[in-house]
PDB file of N, CA and C in Angstrom:
ATOM      1  N   MET A   1     -50.874  51.483  59.246  1.00  0.00           N
ATOM      2  CA  MET A   1     -51.002  52.924  59.283  1.00  0.00           C
ATOM      3  C   MET A   1     -49.662  53.532  58.838  1.00  0.00           C
ATOM      4  N   PRO A   2     -49.684  54.741  58.358  1.00  0.00           N
ATOM      5  CA  PRO A   2     -48.442  55.363  57.909  1.00  0.00           C
ATOM      6  C   PRO A   2     -47.360  55.441  58.983  1.00  0.00           C
ATOM      7  N   ASP A   3     -47.768  55.504  60.266  1.00  0.00           N
ATOM      8  CA  ASP A   3     -46.781  55.588  61.348  1.00  0.00           C
ATOM      9  C   ASP A   3     -46.272  54.216  61.781  1.00  0.00           C
ATOM     10  N   GLY A   4     -46.717  53.152  61.105  1.00  0.00           N
ATOM     11  CA  GLY A   4     -46.263  51.800  61.424  1.00  0.00           C
ATOM     12  C   GLY A   4     -47.184  51.045  62.360  1.00  0.00           C
ATOM     13  N   SER A   5     -48.160  51.725  62.959  1.00  0.00           N
ATOM     14  CA  SER A   5     -49.089  51.033  63.849  1.00  0.00           C
ATOM     15  C   SER A   5     -50.098  50.239  63.016  1.00  0.00           C
ATOM     16  N   GLU A   6     -50.753  49.291  63.668  1.00  0.00           N
ATOM     17  CA  GLU A   6     -51.724  48.452  62.978  1.00  0.00           C
ATOM     18  C   GLU A   6     -53.119  48.702  63.526  1.00  0.00           C
ATOM     19  N   SER A   7     -54.102  48.499  62.684  1.00  0.00           N
ATOM     20  CA  SER A   7     -55.494  48.659  63.062  1.00  0.00           C
ATOM     21  C   SER A   7     -56.299  47.598  62.327  1.00  0.00           C
ATOM     22  N   SER A   8     -57.355  47.103  62.968  1.00  0.00           N
ATOM     23  CA  SER A   8     -58.178  46.120  62.268  1.00  0.00           C
ATOM     24  C   SER A   8     -59.060  46.839  61.255  1.00  0.00           C
ATOM     25  N   HIS A   9     -59.398  46.129  60.210  1.00  0.00           N
ATOM     26  CA  HIS A   9     -60.219  46.697  59.141  1.00  0.00           C
ATOM     27  C   HIS A   9     -61.067  45.583  58.562  1.00  0.00           C
ATOM     28  N   TYR A  10     -62.333  45.854  58.373  1.00  0.00           N
ATOM     29  CA  TYR A  10     -63.247  44.856  57.836  1.00  0.00           C
ATOM     30  C   TYR A  10     -63.880  45.370  56.558  1.00  0.00           C
ATOM     31  N   PHE A  11     -64.128  44.446  55.651  1.00  0.00           N
ATOM     32  CA  PHE A  11     -64.810  44.770  54.403  1.00  0.00           C
ATOM     33  C   PHE A  11     -65.630  43.558  54.016  1.00  0.00           C
ATOM     34  N   ASN A  12     -66.411  43.699  52.980  1.00  0.00           N
ATOM     35  CA  ASN A  12     -67.272  42.605  52.541  1.00  0.00           C
ATOM     36  C   ASN A  12     -66.799  42.057  51.209  1.00  0.00           C
ATOM     37  N   GLU A  13     -67.013  40.770  51.038  1.00  0.00           N
ATOM     38  CA  GLU A  13     -66.749  40.123  49.759  1.00  0.00           C
ATOM     39  C   GLU A  13     -68.046  39.467  49.315  1.00  0.00           C
ATOM     40  N   THR A  14     -68.480  39.796  48.115  1.00  0.00           N
ATOM     41  CA  THR A  14     -69.733  39.241  47.611  1.00  0.00           C
ATOM     42  C   THR A  14     -69.537  37.785  47.195  1.00  0.00           C
ATOM     43  N   ALA A  15     -70.634  37.119  46.909  1.00  0.00           N
ATOM     44  CA  ALA A  15     -70.584  35.717  46.480  1.00  0.00           C
ATOM     45  C   ALA A  15     -69.780  35.550  45.195  1.00  0.00           C
ATOM     46  N   THR A  16     -69.684  36.611  44.401  1.00  0.00           N
ATOM     47  CA  THR A  16     -68.922  36.547  43.147  1.00  0.00           C
ATOM     48  C   THR A  16     -67.460  36.947  43.329  1.00  0.00           C
ATOM     49  N   GLY A  17     -67.077  37.257  44.575  1.00  0.00           N
ATOM     50  CA  GLY A  17     -65.687  37.601  44.856  1.00  0.00           C
ATOM     51  C   GLY A  17     -65.368  39.082  44.780  1.00  0.00           C
ATOM     52  N   GLN A  18     -66.351  39.920  44.522  1.00  0.00           N
ATOM     53  CA  GLN A  18     -66.128  41.369  44.466  1.00  0.00           C
ATOM     54  C   GLN A  18     -65.952  41.917  45.880  1.00  0.00           C
ATOM     55  N   ILE A  19     -64.938  42.753  46.075  1.00  0.00           N
ATOM     56  CA  ILE A  19     -64.677  43.378  47.370  1.00  0.00           C
ATOM     57  C   ILE A  19     -65.474  44.679  47.465  1.00  0.00           C
ATOM     58  N   VAL A  20     -66.212  44.835  48.553  1.00  0.00           N
ATOM     59  CA  VAL A  20     -66.967  46.056  48.824  1.00  0.00           C
ATOM     60  C   VAL A  20     -66.402  46.643  50.115  1.00  0.00           C
ATOM     61  N   ASP A  21     -65.696  47.762  49.990  1.00  0.00           N
ATOM     62  CA  ASP A  21     -65.036  48.386  51.136  1.00  0.00           C
ATOM     63  C   ASP A  21     -65.523  49.827  51.253  1.00  0.00           C
ATOM     64  N   LEU A  22     -66.469  50.033  52.151  1.00  0.00           N
ATOM     65  CA  LEU A  22     -67.072  51.357  52.304  1.00  0.00           C
ATOM     66  C   LEU A  22     -66.332  52.249  53.292  1.00  0.00           C
ATOM     67  N   THR A  23     -65.321  51.722  53.966  1.00  0.00           N
ATOM     68  CA  THR A  23     -64.651  52.498  55.016  1.00  0.00           C
ATOM     69  C   THR A  23     -63.171  52.760  54.741  1.00  0.00           C
ATOM     70  N   LYS A  24     -62.669  52.331  53.618  1.00  0.00           N
ATOM     71  CA  LYS A  24     -61.251  52.494  53.312  1.00  0.00           C
ATOM     72  C   LYS A  24     -60.809  53.958  53.375  1.00  0.00           C
ATOM     73  N   ARG A  25     -61.704  54.871  52.992  1.00  0.00           N
ATOM     74  CA  ARG A  25     -61.359  56.303  52.961  1.00  0.00           C
ATOM     75  C   ARG A  25     -61.097  56.890  54.343  1.00  0.00           C
ATOM     76  N   GLN A  26     -61.492  56.192  55.408  1.00  0.00           N
ATOM     77  CA  GLN A  26     -61.313  56.746  56.751  1.00  0.00           C
ATOM     78  C   GLN A  26     -59.858  56.687  57.213  1.00  0.00           C
ATOM     79  N   PHE A  27     -59.036  55.914  56.518  1.00  0.00           N
ATOM     80  CA  PHE A  27     -57.645  55.764  56.919  1.00  0.00           C
ATOM     81  C   PHE A  27     -56.784  56.848  56.280  1.00  0.00           C
ATOM     82  N   PRO A  28     -55.730  57.268  56.991  1.00  0.00           N
ATOM     83  CA  PRO A  28     -54.865  58.325  56.461  1.00  0.00           C
ATOM     84  C   PRO A  28     -54.199  57.918  55.146  1.00  0.00           C
ATOM     85  N   GLN A  29     -53.888  58.922  54.331  1.00  0.00           N
ATOM     86  CA  GLN A  29     -53.170  58.673  53.087  1.00  0.00           C
ATOM     87  C   GLN A  29     -51.863  57.954  53.407  1.00  0.00           C
ATOM     88  N   GLY A  30     -51.513  56.979  52.612  1.00  0.00           N
ATOM     89  CA  GLY A  30     -50.290  56.220  52.831  1.00  0.00           C
ATOM     90  C   GLY A  30     -50.505  54.929  53.596  1.00  0.00           C
ATOM     91  N   THR A  31     -51.723  54.707  54.083  1.00  0.00           N
ATOM     92  CA  THR A  31     -52.035  53.475  54.798  1.00  0.00           C
ATOM     93  C   THR A  31     -52.111  52.329  53.800  1.00  0.00           C
ATOM     94  N   ILE A  32     -51.422  51.256  54.108  1.00  0.00           N
ATOM     95  CA  ILE A  32     -51.476  50.056  53.279  1.00  0.00           C
ATOM     96  C   ILE A  32     -52.445  49.088  53.938  1.00  0.00           C
ATOM     97  N   ILE A  33     -53.507  48.765  53.229  1.00  0.00           N
ATOM     98  CA  ILE A  33     -54.499  47.829  53.756  1.00  0.00           C
ATOM     99  C   ILE A  33     -54.212  46.474  53.126  1.00  0.00           C
ATOM    100  N   PRO A  34     -53.804  45.504  53.947  1.00  0.00           N
ATOM    101  CA  PRO A  34     -53.448  44.192  53.396  1.00  0.00           C
ATOM    102  C   PRO A  34     -54.672  43.433  52.899  1.00  0.00           C
ATOM    103  N   GLN A  35     -54.397  42.434  52.082  1.00  0.00           N
ATOM    104  CA  GLN A  35     -55.458  41.563  51.594  1.00  0.00           C
ATOM    105  C   GLN A  35     -56.096  40.865  52.787  1.00  0.00           C
ATOM    106  N   GLY A  36     -57.380  40.637  52.716  1.00  0.00           N
ATOM    107  CA  GLY A  36     -58.096  39.998  53.817  1.00  0.00           C
ATOM    108  C   GLY A  36     -57.606  38.588  54.106  1.00  0.00           C
ATOM    109  N   ILE A  37     -57.684  38.228  55.365  1.00  0.00           N
ATOM    110  CA  ILE A  37     -57.307  36.890  55.810  1.00  0.00           C
ATOM    111  C   ILE A  37     -58.545  36.253  56.415  1.00  0.00           C
ATOM    112  N   ASP A  38     -58.862  35.060  55.970  1.00  0.00           N
ATOM    113  CA  ASP A  38     -60.021  34.344  56.485  1.00  0.00           C
ATOM    114  C   ASP A  38     -59.741  33.918  57.923  1.00  0.00           C
ATOM    115  N   LYS A  39     -60.491  34.465  58.869  1.00  0.00           N
ATOM    116  CA  LYS A  39     -60.330  34.123  60.285  1.00  0.00           C
ATOM    117  C   LYS A  39     -61.629  33.528  60.785  1.00  0.00           C
ATOM    118  N   LYS A  40     -61.602  32.227  61.071  1.00  0.00           N
ATOM    119  CA  LYS A  40     -62.832  31.582  61.510  1.00  0.00           C
ATOM    120  C   LYS A  40     -62.721  30.980  62.902  1.00  0.00           C
ATOM    121  N   LYS A  41     -61.512  30.618  63.304  1.00  0.00           N
ATOM    122  CA  LYS A  41     -61.320  29.896  64.566  1.00  0.00           C
ATOM    123  C   LYS A  41     -62.282  28.704  64.578  1.00  0.00           C
ATOM    124  N   GLN A  42     -63.064  28.548  65.648  1.00  0.00           N
ATOM    125  CA  GLN A  42     -63.980  27.406  65.733  1.00  0.00           C
ATOM    126  C   GLN A  42     -65.342  27.707  65.114  1.00  0.00           C
ATOM    127  N   TYR A  43     -65.497  28.875  64.498  1.00  0.00           N
ATOM    128  CA  TYR A  43     -66.780  29.286  63.929  1.00  0.00           C
ATOM    129  C   TYR A  43     -66.903  28.825  62.478  1.00  0.00           C
ATOM    130  N   ASP A  44     -68.129  28.809  61.981  1.00  0.00           N
ATOM    131  CA  ASP A  44     -68.381  28.373  60.607  1.00  0.00           C
ATOM    132  C   ASP A  44     -67.945  29.398  59.569  1.00  0.00           C
ATOM    133  N   SER A  45     -67.856  30.662  59.972  1.00  0.00           N
ATOM    134  CA  SER A  45     -67.487  31.707  59.016  1.00  0.00           C
ATOM    135  C   SER A  45     -66.723  32.820  59.724  1.00  0.00           C
ATOM    136  N   THR A  46     -66.012  33.603  58.936  1.00  0.00           N
ATOM    137  CA  THR A  46     -65.327  34.775  59.480  1.00  0.00           C
ATOM    138  C   THR A  46     -66.343  35.726  60.099  1.00  0.00           C
ATOM    139  N   ARG A  47     -67.501  35.863  59.459  1.00  0.00           N
ATOM    140  CA  ARG A  47     -68.551  36.745  59.975  1.00  0.00           C
ATOM    141  C   ARG A  47     -68.959  36.335  61.382  1.00  0.00           C
ATOM    142  N   GLU A  48     -69.203  35.045  61.588  1.00  0.00           N
ATOM    143  CA  GLU A  48     -69.590  34.571  62.923  1.00  0.00           C
ATOM    144  C   GLU A  48     -68.479  34.830  63.935  1.00  0.00           C
ATOM    145  N   TYR A  49     -67.233  34.613  63.523  1.00  0.00           N
ATOM    146  CA  TYR A  49     -66.097  34.849  64.415  1.00  0.00           C
ATOM    147  C   TYR A  49     -66.018  36.326  64.809  1.00  0.00           C
ATOM    148  N   VAL A  50     -66.082  37.212  63.824  1.00  0.00           N
ATOM    149  CA  VAL A  50     -65.977  38.650  64.092  1.00  0.00           C
ATOM    150  C   VAL A  50     -67.114  39.115  64.999  1.00  0.00           C
ATOM    151  N   LEU A  51     -68.328  38.618  64.741  1.00  0.00           N
ATOM    152  CA  LEU A  51     -69.482  39.043  65.534  1.00  0.00           C
ATOM    153  C   LEU A  51     -69.542  38.362  66.898  1.00  0.00           C
ATOM    154  N   SER A  52     -68.607  37.468  67.188  1.00  0.00           N
ATOM    155  CA  SER A  52     -68.565  36.848  68.518  1.00  0.00           C
ATOM    156  C   SER A  52     -68.014  37.808  69.568  1.00  0.00           C
ATOM    157  N   PHE A  53     -67.404  38.909  69.121  1.00  0.00           N
ATOM    158  CA  PHE A  53     -66.888  39.923  70.034  1.00  0.00           C
ATOM    159  C   PHE A  53     -68.004  40.927  70.320  1.00  0.00           C
ATOM    160  N   GLU A  54     -68.332  41.118  71.584  1.00  0.00           N
ATOM    161  CA  GLU A  54     -69.485  41.935  71.972  1.00  0.00           C
ATOM    162  C   GLU A  54     -69.434  43.355  71.400  1.00  0.00           C
ATOM    163  N   GLN A  55     -68.295  44.014  71.508  1.00  0.00           N
ATOM    164  CA  GLN A  55     -68.200  45.393  71.012  1.00  0.00           C
ATOM    165  C   GLN A  55     -68.411  45.453  69.501  1.00  0.00           C
ATOM    166  N   THR A  56     -67.851  44.483  68.803  1.00  0.00           N
ATOM    167  CA  THR A  56     -68.019  44.438  67.352  1.00  0.00           C
ATOM    168  C   THR A  56     -69.473  44.181  66.997  1.00  0.00           C
ATOM    169  N   ARG A  57     -70.117  43.242  67.696  1.00  0.00           N
ATOM    170  CA  ARG A  57     -71.530  42.944  67.437  1.00  0.00           C
ATOM    171  C   ARG A  57     -72.390  44.187  67.705  1.00  0.00           C
ATOM    172  N   ASN A  58     -72.095  44.910  68.781  1.00  0.00           N
ATOM    173  CA  ASN A  58     -72.860  46.123  69.092  1.00  0.00           C
ATOM    174  C   ASN A  58     -72.729  47.166  67.983  1.00  0.00           C
ATOM    175  N   ARG A  59     -71.498  47.363  67.485  1.00  0.00           N
ATOM    176  CA  ARG A  59     -71.286  48.318  66.392  1.00  0.00           C
ATOM    177  C   ARG A  59     -72.007  47.854  65.129  1.00  0.00           C
ATOM    178  N   TYR A  60     -71.971  46.559  64.885  1.00  0.00           N
ATOM    179  CA  TYR A  60     -72.653  45.985  63.724  1.00  0.00           C
ATOM    180  C   TYR A  60     -74.159  46.229  63.808  1.00  0.00           C
ATOM    181  N   GLU A  61     -74.740  45.964  64.967  1.00  0.00           N
ATOM    182  CA  GLU A  61     -76.186  46.138  65.140  1.00  0.00           C
ATOM    183  C   GLU A  61     -76.583  47.606  64.974  1.00  0.00           C
ATOM    184  N   LEU A  62     -75.763  48.516  65.492  1.00  0.00           N
ATOM    185  CA  LEU A  62     -76.033  49.947  65.341  1.00  0.00           C
ATOM    186  C   LEU A  62     -75.988  50.355  63.865  1.00  0.00           C
ATOM    187  N   LEU A  63     -74.966  49.911  63.167  1.00  0.00           N
ATOM    188  CA  LEU A  63     -74.843  50.215  61.743  1.00  0.00           C
ATOM    189  C   LEU A  63     -76.010  49.616  60.959  1.00  0.00           C
ATOM    190  N   LYS A  64     -76.369  48.397  61.300  1.00  0.00           N
ATOM    191  CA  LYS A  64     -77.489  47.722  60.629  1.00  0.00           C
ATOM    192  C   LYS A  64     -78.788  48.514  60.808  1.00  0.00           C
ATOM    193  N   GLU A  65     -79.024  49.015  62.021  1.00  0.00           N
ATOM    194  CA  GLU A  65     -80.217  49.832  62.284  1.00  0.00           C
ATOM    195  C   GLU A  65     -80.200  51.116  61.455  1.00  0.00           C
ATOM    196  N   LYS A  66     -79.044  51.764  61.415  1.00  0.00           N
ATOM    197  CA  LYS A  66     -78.936  53.018  60.662  1.00  0.00           C
ATOM    198  C   LYS A  66     -79.171  52.787  59.175  1.00  0.00           C
ATOM    199  N   ILE A  67     -78.582  51.745  58.647  1.00  0.00           N
ATOM    200  CA  ILE A  67     -78.736  51.447  57.223  1.00  0.00           C
ATOM    201  C   ILE A  67     -80.172  51.055  56.913  1.00  0.00           C
ATOM    202  N   SER A  68     -80.772  50.258  57.760  1.00  0.00           N
ATOM    203  CA  SER A  68     -82.163  49.845  57.548  1.00  0.00           C
ATOM    204  C   SER A  68     -83.088  51.054  57.540  1.00  0.00           C
ATOM    205  N   GLY A  69     -82.846  52.001  58.446  1.00  0.00           N
ATOM    206  CA  GLY A  69     -83.658  53.220  58.502  1.00  0.00           C
ATOM    207  C   GLY A  69     -83.466  54.081  57.271  1.00  0.00           C
ATOM    208  N   ASP A  70     -82.214  54.215  56.829  1.00  0.00           N
ATOM    209  CA  ASP A  70     -81.922  55.026  55.646  1.00  0.00           C
ATOM    210  C   ASP A  70     -82.496  54.405  54.381  1.00  0.00           C
ATOM    211  N   ALA A  71     -82.525  53.076  54.351  1.00  0.00           N
ATOM    212  CA  ALA A  71     -82.999  52.375  53.157  1.00  0.00           C
ATOM    213  C   ALA A  71     -84.509  52.174  53.180  1.00  0.00           C
ATOM    214  N   GLY A  72     -85.147  52.538  54.300  1.00  0.00           N
ATOM    215  CA  GLY A  72     -86.584  52.361  54.415  1.00  0.00           C
ATOM    216  C   GLY A  72     -86.994  50.907  54.547  1.00  0.00           C
ATOM    217  N   ILE A  73     -86.088  50.107  55.091  1.00  0.00           N
ATOM    218  CA  ILE A  73     -86.354  48.665  55.249  1.00  0.00           C
ATOM    219  C   ILE A  73     -87.120  48.414  56.528  1.00  0.00           C
TER     220      ILE A  73
END
C-alpha cells in the first residue's frame, strides 16, 4: 500500500499464463502489487491452500453465487 502497509491480493492465471486481475483497481493509486507467489503448503494447488481458510472460502462462495446469478448459470 502507499503507506507501507501490506494487504493480501489474489488474482487468476489462465492455463496459457495470462493474468486476470479484476480487483486491482480497488487499491489506492501508488500501490505496488508484487508478482504472485505460488503458495501451496501441503495442498495440491495454491487454490486449495487459499480456500482452506474459512473466511476466504465463504467470500469465494458468495462471489461464485453472485457471478453465477449474473451470468445466468
